[in-house]
Amino acid sequence: MPQINLRVDEETEHRLQYLSARTGRSKTFYATEALTQYLDENEDYLLAKDALEEFSQSNDDAIDLADVVWPV
């Protein structure tokens, strides 16, 4: 498995250590989870940004929010 070395400030190290001690999970587990969540959110943002840009450059009409049928 690939490895990344990460430098963090003392407060972040303390928080990771505390969480690890309280839960029995490793600091690596939490760092990996945090990085995965960060990447997921930023990838979603970029997809939405690209979709908005594509729509803005198209001649498609927007749908009024009041006309959207939401699933129940």
PDB file of N, CA and C in Angstrom:
ATOM      1  N   MET A   1       0.848  -1.174   0.000  1.00  0.00           N
ATOM      2  CA  MET A   1       0.000   0.000   0.000  1.00  0.00           C
ATOM      3  C   MET A   1       0.896   1.241   0.000  1.00  0.00           C
ATOM      4  N   PRO A   2       0.601   2.224  -0.866  1.00  0.00           N
ATOM      5  CA  PRO A   2       1.406   3.450  -0.892  1.00  0.00           C
ATOM      6  C   PRO A   2       1.342   4.182   0.449  1.00  0.00           C
ATOM      7  N   GLN A   3       2.364   4.965   0.708  1.00  0.00           N
ATOM      8  CA  GLN A   3       2.473   5.655   1.987  1.00  0.00           C
ATOM      9  C   GLN A   3       2.724   7.130   1.745  1.00  0.00           C
ATOM     10  N   ILE A   4       2.139   7.973   2.602  1.00  0.00           N
ATOM     11  CA  ILE A   4       2.355   9.417   2.565  1.00  0.00           C
ATOM     12  C   ILE A   4       2.811   9.854   3.948  1.00  0.00           C
ATOM     13  N   ASN A   5       3.856  10.650   4.005  1.00  0.00           N
ATOM     14  CA  ASN A   5       4.275  11.249   5.270  1.00  0.00           C
ATOM     15  C   ASN A   5       3.615  12.611   5.379  1.00  0.00           C
ATOM     16  N   LEU A   6       3.084  12.920   6.545  1.00  0.00           N
ATOM     17  CA  LEU A   6       2.293  14.127   6.730  1.00  0.00           C
ATOM     18  C   LEU A   6       2.760  14.877   7.968  1.00  0.00           C
ATOM     19  N   ARG A   7       3.036  16.150   7.808  1.00  0.00           N
ATOM     20  CA  ARG A   7       3.386  16.991   8.952  1.00  0.00           C
ATOM     21  C   ARG A   7       2.137  17.752   9.379  1.00  0.00           C
ATOM     22  N   VAL A   8       1.843  17.726  10.669  1.00  0.00           N
ATOM     23  CA  VAL A   8       0.693  18.452  11.205  1.00  0.00           C
ATOM     24  C   VAL A   8       1.145  19.289  12.393  1.00  0.00           C
ATOM     25  N   ASP A   9       0.362  20.313  12.713  1.00  0.00           N
ATOM     26  CA  ASP A   9       0.706  21.133  13.871  1.00  0.00           C
ATOM     27  C   ASP A   9       0.396  20.361  15.156  1.00  0.00           C
ATOM     28  N   GLU A  10       0.856  20.901  16.268  1.00  0.00           N
ATOM     29  CA  GLU A  10       0.713  20.193  17.547  1.00  0.00           C
ATOM     30  C   GLU A  10      -0.746  19.988  17.934  1.00  0.00           C
ATOM     31  N   GLU A  11      -1.588  20.970  17.662  1.00  0.00           N
ATOM     32  CA  GLU A  11      -3.004  20.839  18.012  1.00  0.00           C
ATOM     33  C   GLU A  11      -3.653  19.688  17.242  1.00  0.00           C
ATOM     34  N   THR A  12      -3.367  19.590  15.959  1.00  0.00           N
ATOM     35  CA  THR A  12      -3.926  18.509  15.150  1.00  0.00           C
ATOM     36  C   THR A  12      -3.407  17.163  15.628  1.00  0.00           C
ATOM     37  N   GLU A  13      -2.132  17.091  15.954  1.00  0.00           N
ATOM     38  CA  GLU A  13      -1.549  15.851  16.489  1.00  0.00           C
ATOM     39  C   GLU A  13      -2.239  15.463  17.788  1.00  0.00           C
ATOM     40  N   HIS A  14      -2.462  16.446  18.653  1.00  0.00           N
ATOM     41  CA  HIS A  14      -3.127  16.181  19.932  1.00  0.00           C
ATOM     42  C   HIS A  14      -4.555  15.670  19.697  1.00  0.00           C
ATOM     43  N   ARG A  15      -5.265  16.296  18.778  1.00  0.00           N
ATOM     44  CA  ARG A  15      -6.631  15.875  18.488  1.00  0.00           C
ATOM     45  C   ARG A  15      -6.664  14.463  17.917  1.00  0.00           C
ATOM     46  N   LEU A  16      -5.746  14.165  17.014  1.00  0.00           N
ATOM     47  CA  LEU A  16      -5.664  12.812  16.454  1.00  0.00           C
ATOM     48  C   LEU A  16      -5.346  11.792  17.541  1.00  0.00           C
ATOM     49  N   GLN A  17      -4.390  12.121  18.392  1.00  0.00           N
ATOM     50  CA  GLN A  17      -3.994  11.216  19.471  1.00  0.00           C
ATOM     51  C   GLN A  17      -5.163  10.961  20.419  1.00  0.00           C
ATOM     52  N   TYR A  18      -5.882  12.023  20.776  1.00  0.00           N
ATOM     53  CA  TYR A  18      -7.024  11.906  21.679  1.00  0.00           C
ATOM     54  C   TYR A  18      -8.111  11.019  21.070  1.00  0.00           C
ATOM     55  N   LEU A  19      -8.457  11.296  19.822  1.00  0.00           N
ATOM     56  CA  LEU A  19      -9.492  10.519  19.145  1.00  0.00           C
ATOM     57  C   LEU A  19      -9.085   9.056  19.020  1.00  0.00           C
ATOM     58  N   SER A  20      -7.836   8.840  18.689  1.00  0.00           N
ATOM     59  CA  SER A  20      -7.312   7.484  18.556  1.00  0.00           C
ATOM     60  C   SER A  20      -7.392   6.733  19.888  1.00  0.00           C
ATOM     61  N   ALA A  21      -6.984   7.402  20.953  1.00  0.00           N
ATOM     62  CA  ALA A  21      -7.005   6.771  22.272  1.00  0.00           C
ATOM     63  C   ALA A  21      -8.437   6.475  22.726  1.00  0.00           C
ATOM     64  N   ARG A  22      -9.354   7.386  22.442  1.00  0.00           N
ATOM     65  CA  ARG A  22     -10.740   7.211  22.876  1.00  0.00           C
ATOM     66  C   ARG A  22     -11.469   6.116  22.110  1.00  0.00           C
ATOM     67  N   THR A  23     -11.098   5.918  20.853  1.00  0.00           N
ATOM     68  CA  THR A  23     -11.858   4.992  20.008  1.00  0.00           C
ATOM     69  C   THR A  23     -11.151   3.673  19.731  1.00  0.00           C
ATOM     70  N   GLY A  24      -9.844   3.638  19.959  1.00  0.00           N
ATOM     71  CA  GLY A  24      -9.093   2.433  19.641  1.00  0.00           C
ATOM     72  C   GLY A  24      -8.724   2.319  18.171  1.00  0.00           C
ATOM     73  N   ARG A  25      -9.030   3.334  17.406  1.00  0.00           N
ATOM     74  CA  ARG A  25      -8.644   3.359  15.988  1.00  0.00           C
ATOM     75  C   ARG A  25      -7.318   4.100  15.866  1.00  0.00           C
ATOM     76  N   SER A  26      -6.604   3.810  14.791  1.00  0.00           N
ATOM     77  CA  SER A  26      -5.287   4.431  14.609  1.00  0.00           C
ATOM     78  C   SER A  26      -5.406   5.857  14.077  1.00  0.00           C
ATOM     79  N   LYS A  27      -4.352   6.628  14.307  1.00  0.00           N
ATOM     80  CA  LYS A  27      -4.283   7.973  13.731  1.00  0.00           C
ATOM     81  C   LYS A  27      -4.298   7.875  12.212  1.00  0.00           C
ATOM     82  N   THR A  28      -3.681   6.834  11.679  1.00  0.00           N
ATOM     83  CA  THR A  28      -3.683   6.623  10.230  1.00  0.00           C
ATOM     84  C   THR A  28      -5.104   6.447   9.715  1.00  0.00           C
ATOM     85  N   PHE A  29      -5.922   5.707  10.455  1.00  0.00           N
ATOM     86  CA  PHE A  29      -7.318   5.528  10.058  1.00  0.00           C
ATOM     87  C   PHE A  29      -8.009   6.875   9.915  1.00  0.00           C
ATOM     88  N   TYR A  30      -7.865   7.731  10.934  1.00  0.00           N
ATOM     89  CA  TYR A  30      -8.546   9.024  10.903  1.00  0.00           C
ATOM     90  C   TYR A  30      -7.967   9.963   9.856  1.00  0.00           C
ATOM     91  N   ALA A  31      -6.672   9.947   9.657  1.00  0.00           N
ATOM     92  CA  ALA A  31      -6.059  10.781   8.622  1.00  0.00           C
ATOM     93  C   ALA A  31      -6.538  10.337   7.240  1.00  0.00           C
ATOM     94  N   THR A  32      -6.619   9.036   7.029  1.00  0.00           N
ATOM     95  CA  THR A  32      -7.095   8.508   5.753  1.00  0.00           C
ATOM     96  C   THR A  32      -8.561   8.862   5.532  1.00  0.00           C
ATOM     97  N   GLU A  33      -9.380   8.706   6.573  1.00  0.00           N
ATOM     98  CA  GLU A  33     -10.797   9.065   6.468  1.00  0.00           C
ATOM     99  C   GLU A  33     -10.969  10.550   6.145  1.00  0.00           C
ATOM    100  N   ALA A  34     -10.211  11.404   6.827  1.00  0.00           N
ATOM    101  CA  ALA A  34     -10.308  12.848   6.596  1.00  0.00           C
ATOM    102  C   ALA A  34      -9.877  13.204   5.183  1.00  0.00           C
ATOM    103  N   LEU A  35      -8.798  12.615   4.719  1.00  0.00           N
ATOM    104  CA  LEU A  35      -8.304  12.891   3.372  1.00  0.00           C
ATOM    105  C   LEU A  35      -9.295  12.399   2.320  1.00  0.00           C
ATOM    106  N   THR A  36      -9.862  11.227   2.534  1.00  0.00           N
ATOM    107  CA  THR A  36     -10.850  10.686   1.603  1.00  0.00           C
ATOM    108  C   THR A  36     -12.071  11.596   1.526  1.00  0.00           C
ATOM    109  N   GLN A  37     -12.555  12.048   2.672  1.00  0.00           N
ATOM    110  CA  GLN A  37     -13.713  12.944   2.689  1.00  0.00           C
ATOM    111  C   GLN A  37     -13.384  14.262   1.988  1.00  0.00           C
ATOM    112  N   TYR A  38     -12.216  14.820   2.237  1.00  0.00           N
ATOM    113  CA  TYR A  38     -11.787  16.061   1.593  1.00  0.00           C
ATOM    114  C   TYR A  38     -11.737  15.888   0.075  1.00  0.00           C
ATOM    115  N   LEU A  39     -11.151  14.797  -0.381  1.00  0.00           N
ATOM    116  CA  LEU A  39     -11.064  14.541  -1.819  1.00  0.00           C
ATOM    117  C   LEU A  39     -12.450  14.367  -2.432  1.00  0.00           C
ATOM    118  N   ASP A  40     -13.328  13.621  -1.760  1.00  0.00           N
ATOM    119  CA  ASP A  40     -14.692  13.422  -2.260  1.00  0.00           C
ATOM    120  C   ASP A  40     -15.415  14.754  -2.427  1.00  0.00           C
ATOM    121  N   GLU A  41     -15.329  15.611  -1.412  1.00  0.00           N
ATOM    122  CA  GLU A  41     -16.019  16.898  -1.459  1.00  0.00           C
ATOM    123  C   GLU A  41     -15.465  17.788  -2.561  1.00  0.00           C
ATOM    124  N   ASN A  42     -14.157  17.807  -2.725  1.00  0.00           N
ATOM    125  CA  ASN A  42     -13.561  18.653  -3.754  1.00  0.00           C
ATOM    126  C   ASN A  42     -13.819  18.119  -5.157  1.00  0.00           C
ATOM    127  N   GLU A  43     -13.835  16.810  -5.311  1.00  0.00           N
ATOM    128  CA  GLU A  43     -14.181  16.230  -6.615  1.00  0.00           C
ATOM    129  C   GLU A  43     -15.633  16.545  -6.964  1.00  0.00           C
ATOM    130  N   ASP A  44     -16.541  16.457  -5.978  1.00  0.00           N
ATOM    131  CA  ASP A  44     -17.941  16.809  -6.214  1.00  0.00           C
ATOM    132  C   ASP A  44     -18.068  18.276  -6.614  1.00  0.00           C
ATOM    133  N   TYR A  45     -17.331  19.146  -5.929  1.00  0.00           N
ATOM    134  CA  TYR A  45     -17.350  20.572  -6.256  1.00  0.00           C
ATOM    135  C   TYR A  45     -16.912  20.803  -7.700  1.00  0.00           C
ATOM    136  N   LEU A  46     -15.827  20.156  -8.102  1.00  0.00           N
ATOM    137  CA  LEU A  46     -15.330  20.346  -9.467  1.00  0.00           C
ATOM    138  C   LEU A  46     -16.308  19.811 -10.508  1.00  0.00           C
ATOM    139  N   LEU A  47     -16.951  18.680 -10.220  1.00  0.00           N
ATOM    140  CA  LEU A  47     -17.970  18.154 -11.133  1.00  0.00           C
ATOM    141  C   LEU A  47     -19.131  19.136 -11.273  1.00  0.00           C
ATOM    142  N   ALA A  48     -19.580  19.695 -10.153  1.00  0.00           N
ATOM    143  CA  ALA A  48     -20.679  20.661 -10.192  1.00  0.00           C
ATOM    144  C   ALA A  48     -20.264  21.927 -10.931  1.00  0.00           C
ATOM    145  N   LYS A  49     -19.053  22.381 -10.686  1.00  0.00           N
ATOM    146  CA  LYS A  49     -18.544  23.579 -11.362  1.00  0.00           C
ATOM    147  C   LYS A  49     -18.483  23.352 -12.869  1.00  0.00           C
ATOM    148  N   ASP A  50     -17.977  22.198 -13.279  1.00  0.00           N
ATOM    149  CA  ASP A  50     -17.901  21.869 -14.708  1.00  0.00           C
ATOM    150  C   ASP A  50     -19.295  21.778 -15.326  1.00  0.00           C
ATOM    151  N   ALA A  51     -20.242  21.173 -14.602  1.00  0.00           N
ATOM    152  CA  ALA A  51     -21.609  21.046 -15.114  1.00  0.00           C
ATOM    153  C   ALA A  51     -22.255  22.421 -15.261  1.00  0.00           C
ATOM    154  N   LEU A  52     -22.028  23.302 -14.295  1.00  0.00           N
ATOM    155  CA  LEU A  52     -22.579  24.653 -14.379  1.00  0.00           C
ATOM    156  C   LEU A  52     -21.973  25.413 -15.552  1.00  0.00           C
ATOM    157  N   GLU A  53     -20.680  25.282 -15.729  1.00  0.00           N
ATOM    158  CA  GLU A  53     -20.018  25.953 -16.848  1.00  0.00           C
ATOM    159  C   GLU A  53     -20.548  25.428 -18.184  1.00  0.00           C
ATOM    160  N   GLU A  54     -20.711  24.113 -18.279  1.00  0.00           N
ATOM    161  CA  GLU A  54     -21.238  23.511 -19.506  1.00  0.00           C
ATOM    162  C   GLU A  54     -22.663  24.003 -19.776  1.00  0.00           C
ATOM    163  N   PHE A  55     -23.488  24.041 -18.726  1.00  0.00           N
ATOM    164  CA  PHE A  55     -24.861  24.523 -18.884  1.00  0.00           C
ATOM    165  C   PHE A  55     -24.877  25.996 -19.274  1.00  0.00           C
ATOM    166  N   SER A  56     -24.035  26.805 -18.648  1.00  0.00           N
ATOM    167  CA  SER A  56     -23.987  28.241 -18.934  1.00  0.00           C
ATOM    168  C   SER A  56     -23.618  28.518 -20.383  1.00  0.00           C
ATOM    169  N   GLN A  57     -22.813  27.649 -20.977  1.00  0.00           N
ATOM    170  CA  GLN A  57     -22.377  27.834 -22.359  1.00  0.00           C
ATOM    171  C   GLN A  57     -23.355  27.227 -23.365  1.00  0.00           C
ATOM    172  N   SER A  58     -24.344  26.496 -22.865  1.00  0.00           N
ATOM    173  CA  SER A  58     -25.323  25.867 -23.765  1.00  0.00           C
ATOM    174  C   SER A  58     -26.493  26.826 -23.994  1.00  0.00           C
ATOM    175  N   ASN A  59     -27.349  26.451 -24.896  1.00  0.00           N
ATOM    176  CA  ASN A  59     -28.567  27.225 -25.144  1.00  0.00           C
ATOM    177  C   ASN A  59     -29.769  26.612 -24.438  1.00  0.00           C
ATOM    178  N   ASP A  60     -29.522  25.712 -23.510  1.00  0.00           N
ATOM    179  CA  ASP A  60     -30.610  25.046 -22.803  1.00  0.00           C
ATOM    180  C   ASP A  60     -31.315  26.019 -21.863  1.00  0.00           C
ATOM    181  N   ASP A  61     -32.619  25.801 -21.696  1.00  0.00           N
ATOM    182  CA  ASP A  61     -33.393  26.605 -20.761  1.00  0.00           C
ATOM    183  C   ASP A  61     -33.276  26.008 -19.364  1.00  0.00           C
ATOM    184  N   ALA A  62     -33.271  26.871 -18.388  1.00  0.00           N
ATOM    185  CA  ALA A  62     -33.267  26.422 -17.001  1.00  0.00           C
ATOM    186  C   ALA A  62     -34.687  26.041 -16.601  1.00  0.00           C
ATOM    187  N   ILE A  63     -34.804  25.170 -15.625  1.00  0.00           N
ATOM    188  CA  ILE A  63     -36.107  24.786 -15.092  1.00  0.00           C
ATOM    189  C   ILE A  63     -36.316  25.565 -13.804  1.00  0.00           C
ATOM    190  N   ASP A  64     -37.449  26.227 -13.692  1.00  0.00           N
ATOM    191  CA  ASP A  64     -37.763  26.968 -12.479  1.00  0.00           C
ATOM    192  C   ASP A  64     -37.870  25.988 -11.315  1.00  0.00           C
ATOM    193  N   LEU A  65     -37.312  26.347 -10.194  1.00  0.00           N
ATOM    194  CA  LEU A  65     -37.301  25.458  -9.031  1.00  0.00           C
ATOM    195  C   LEU A  65     -38.718  25.051  -8.632  1.00  0.00           C
ATOM    196  N   ALA A  66     -39.670  25.939  -8.800  1.00  0.00           N
ATOM    197  CA  ALA A  66     -41.063  25.630  -8.447  1.00  0.00           C
ATOM    198  C   ALA A  66     -41.646  24.540  -9.341  1.00  0.00           C
ATOM    199  N   ASP A  67     -41.064  24.337 -10.520  1.00  0.00           N
ATOM    200  CA  ASP A  67     -41.564  23.324 -11.457  1.00  0.00           C
ATOM    201  C   ASP A  67     -40.908  21.956 -11.284  1.00  0.00           C
ATOM    202  N   VAL A  68     -39.962  21.855 -10.401  1.00  0.00           N
ATOM    203  CA  VAL A  68     -39.274  20.586 -10.176  1.00  0.00           C
ATOM    204  C   VAL A  68     -40.180  19.665  -9.363  1.00  0.00           C
ATOM    205  N   VAL A  69     -40.328  18.442  -9.817  1.00  0.00           N
ATOM    206  CA  VAL A  69     -41.108  17.449  -9.086  1.00  0.00           C
ATOM    207  C   VAL A  69     -40.128  16.623  -8.262  1.00  0.00           C
ATOM    208  N   TRP A  70     -40.233  16.748  -6.946  1.00  0.00           N
ATOM    209  CA  TRP A  70     -39.315  16.059  -6.045  1.00  0.00           C
ATOM    210  C   TRP A  70     -39.882  14.702  -5.664  1.00  0.00           C
ATOM    211  N   PRO A  71     -39.054  13.671  -5.652  1.00  0.00           N
ATOM    212  CA  PRO A  71     -39.543  12.343  -5.242  1.00  0.00           C
ATOM    213  C   PRO A  71     -39.932  12.346  -3.767  1.00  0.00           C
ATOM    214  N   VAL A  72     -40.929  11.568  -3.458  1.00  0.00           N
ATOM    215  CA  VAL A  72     -41.414  11.502  -2.076  1.00  0.00           C
ATOM    216  C   VAL A  72     -40.845  10.307  -1.380  1.00  0.00           C
TER     217      VAL A  72
END
